[in-house]
Amino acid sequence: MREHSLFDLLVLSLGNAALVGLGIVPEPGTNTTRKDLESAKYNIELLETLQKKTKGNLSQAEDEMLASLLYDLRLKYVEAKK
């Protein structure tokens, strides 16, 4: 198992923020969940921008983690909008 790089931690932090916005993960400090789809969308868009701007500069593991996270978040976002 590899250690998490700063890039990994940035991606996971933005992913977690999106999950909070989707109402899946409790908000830090309050331990309550509520949907804020605009916040979720914003964090997903940040991850998409990061993916575009780092294309060709990531390790295979970083690229796969980011792609997998984005895929999962997009599915959860579409589900949350229903």
C-alpha atoms as a PDB file:
ATOM      1  CA  MET A   1       0.000   0.000   0.000  1.00  0.00           C
ATOM      2  CA  ARG A   2       1.387   3.382  -0.940  1.00  0.00           C
ATOM      3  CA  GLU A   3       1.380   6.507   1.170  1.00  0.00           C
ATOM      4  CA  HIS A   4      -0.963   9.275   0.175  1.00  0.00           C
ATOM      5  CA  SER A   5       0.689  12.185  -1.591  1.00  0.00           C
ATOM      6  CA  LEU A   6      -0.409  15.786  -1.166  1.00  0.00           C
ATOM      7  CA  PHE A   7      -2.192  15.434  -4.510  1.00  0.00           C
ATOM      8  CA  ASP A   8      -4.133  12.438  -3.187  1.00  0.00           C
ATOM      9  CA  LEU A   9      -5.101  14.358  -0.074  1.00  0.00           C
ATOM     10  CA  LEU A  10      -6.275  17.335  -2.139  1.00  0.00           C
ATOM     11  CA  VAL A  11      -8.408  15.092  -4.356  1.00  0.00           C
ATOM     12  CA  LEU A  12      -9.854  13.207  -1.382  1.00  0.00           C
ATOM     13  CA  SER A  13     -10.592  16.470   0.425  1.00  0.00           C
ATOM     14  CA  LEU A  14     -12.525  17.851  -2.546  1.00  0.00           C
ATOM     15  CA  GLY A  15     -14.286  14.509  -2.936  1.00  0.00           C
ATOM     16  CA  ASN A  16     -15.282  14.533   0.717  1.00  0.00           C
ATOM     17  CA  ALA A  17     -16.595  18.097   0.370  1.00  0.00           C
ATOM     18  CA  ALA A  18     -18.730  16.924  -2.564  1.00  0.00           C
ATOM     19  CA  LEU A  19     -20.069  14.029  -0.462  1.00  0.00           C
ATOM     20  CA  VAL A  20     -20.985  16.491   2.299  1.00  0.00           C
ATOM     21  CA  GLY A  21     -22.844  18.596  -0.282  1.00  0.00           C
ATOM     22  CA  LEU A  22     -24.658  15.508  -1.511  1.00  0.00           C
ATOM     23  CA  GLY A  23     -25.832  14.835   2.041  1.00  0.00           C
ATOM     24  CA  ILE A  24     -24.014  11.505   2.174  1.00  0.00           C
ATOM     25  CA  VAL A  25     -21.340  12.478   4.706  1.00  0.00           C
ATOM     26  CA  PRO A  26     -22.139  14.540   7.822  1.00  0.00           C
ATOM     27  CA  GLU A  27     -20.912  18.119   7.956  1.00  0.00           C
ATOM     28  CA  PRO A  28     -17.775  18.516  10.070  1.00  0.00           C
ATOM     29  CA  GLY A  29     -18.484  20.055  13.448  1.00  0.00           C
ATOM     30  CA  THR A  30     -22.243  19.609  13.354  1.00  0.00           C
ATOM     31  CA  ASN A  31     -22.363  15.906  12.490  1.00  0.00           C
ATOM     32  CA  THR A  32     -25.594  16.552  10.579  1.00  0.00           C
ATOM     33  CA  THR A  33     -26.336  15.886   6.928  1.00  0.00           C
ATOM     34  CA  ARG A  34     -28.110  18.173   4.507  1.00  0.00           C
ATOM     35  CA  LYS A  35     -28.102  18.435   0.738  1.00  0.00           C
ATOM     36  CA  ASP A  36     -26.376  21.401  -0.848  1.00  0.00           C
ATOM     37  CA  LEU A  37     -26.262  20.393  -4.501  1.00  0.00           C
ATOM     38  CA  GLU A  38     -24.626  23.657  -5.574  1.00  0.00           C
ATOM     39  CA  SER A  39     -21.722  22.963  -3.226  1.00  0.00           C
ATOM     40  CA  ALA A  40     -21.492  19.373  -4.448  1.00  0.00           C
ATOM     41  CA  LYS A  41     -21.531  20.513  -8.086  1.00  0.00           C
ATOM     42  CA  TYR A  42     -18.835  23.123  -7.383  1.00  0.00           C
ATOM     43  CA  ASN A  43     -16.501  20.550  -5.810  1.00  0.00           C
ATOM     44  CA  ILE A  44     -17.103  18.064  -8.637  1.00  0.00           C
ATOM     45  CA  GLU A  45     -16.298  20.814 -11.154  1.00  0.00           C
ATOM     46  CA  LEU A  46     -13.086  21.610  -9.252  1.00  0.00           C
ATOM     47  CA  LEU A  47     -12.083  17.956  -9.517  1.00  0.00           C
ATOM     48  CA  GLU A  48     -12.912  17.944 -13.245  1.00  0.00           C
ATOM     49  CA  THR A  49     -10.744  21.032 -13.738  1.00  0.00           C
ATOM     50  CA  LEU A  50      -7.935  19.424 -11.788  1.00  0.00           C
ATOM     51  CA  GLN A  51      -8.232  16.321 -13.980  1.00  0.00           C
ATOM     52  CA  LYS A  52      -8.034  18.384 -17.182  1.00  0.00           C
ATOM     53  CA  LYS A  53      -5.118  20.529 -15.991  1.00  0.00           C
ATOM     54  CA  THR A  54      -3.046  17.573 -14.769  1.00  0.00           C
ATOM     55  CA  LYS A  55      -3.682  15.289 -17.766  1.00  0.00           C
ATOM     56  CA  GLY A  56      -0.448  13.516 -18.671  1.00  0.00           C
ATOM     57  CA  ASN A  57       1.298  14.610 -15.468  1.00  0.00           C
ATOM     58  CA  LEU A  58      -0.124  12.125 -12.967  1.00  0.00           C
ATOM     59  CA  SER A  59       1.059   8.685 -11.985  1.00  0.00           C
ATOM     60  CA  GLN A  60      -1.188   5.849 -13.099  1.00  0.00           C
ATOM     61  CA  ALA A  61      -2.433   5.403  -9.527  1.00  0.00           C
ATOM     62  CA  GLU A  62      -3.260   9.112  -9.168  1.00  0.00           C
ATOM     63  CA  ASP A  63      -5.014   9.195 -12.532  1.00  0.00           C
ATOM     64  CA  GLU A  64      -7.073   6.109 -11.723  1.00  0.00           C
ATOM     65  CA  MET A  65      -8.021   7.403  -8.261  1.00  0.00           C
ATOM     66  CA  LEU A  66      -9.188  10.741  -9.673  1.00  0.00           C
ATOM     67  CA  ALA A  67     -11.116   9.143 -12.546  1.00  0.00           C
ATOM     68  CA  SER A  68     -12.773   6.629 -10.227  1.00  0.00           C
ATOM     69  CA  LEU A  69     -13.725   9.288  -7.690  1.00  0.00           C
ATOM     70  CA  LEU A  70     -15.197  11.538 -10.369  1.00  0.00           C
ATOM     71  CA  TYR A  71     -17.198   8.681 -11.860  1.00  0.00           C
ATOM     72  CA  ASP A  72     -18.625   7.795  -8.454  1.00  0.00           C
ATOM     73  CA  LEU A  73     -19.411  11.412  -7.538  1.00  0.00           C
ATOM     74  CA  ARG A  74     -21.140  12.072 -10.860  1.00  0.00           C
ATOM     75  CA  LEU A  75     -23.394   9.040 -10.352  1.00  0.00           C
ATOM     76  CA  LYS A  76     -24.203  10.138  -6.799  1.00  0.00           C
ATOM     77  CA  TYR A  77     -24.906  13.701  -7.995  1.00  0.00           C
ATOM     78  CA  VAL A  78     -27.348  12.514 -10.681  1.00  0.00           C
ATOM     79  CA  GLU A  79     -29.074  10.318  -8.090  1.00  0.00           C
ATOM     80  CA  ALA A  80     -29.263  13.191  -5.588  1.00  0.00           C
ATOM     81  CA  LYS A  81     -30.922  15.469  -8.167  1.00  0.00           C
ATOM     82  CA  LYS A  82     -33.860  13.063  -8.601  1.00  0.00           C
END
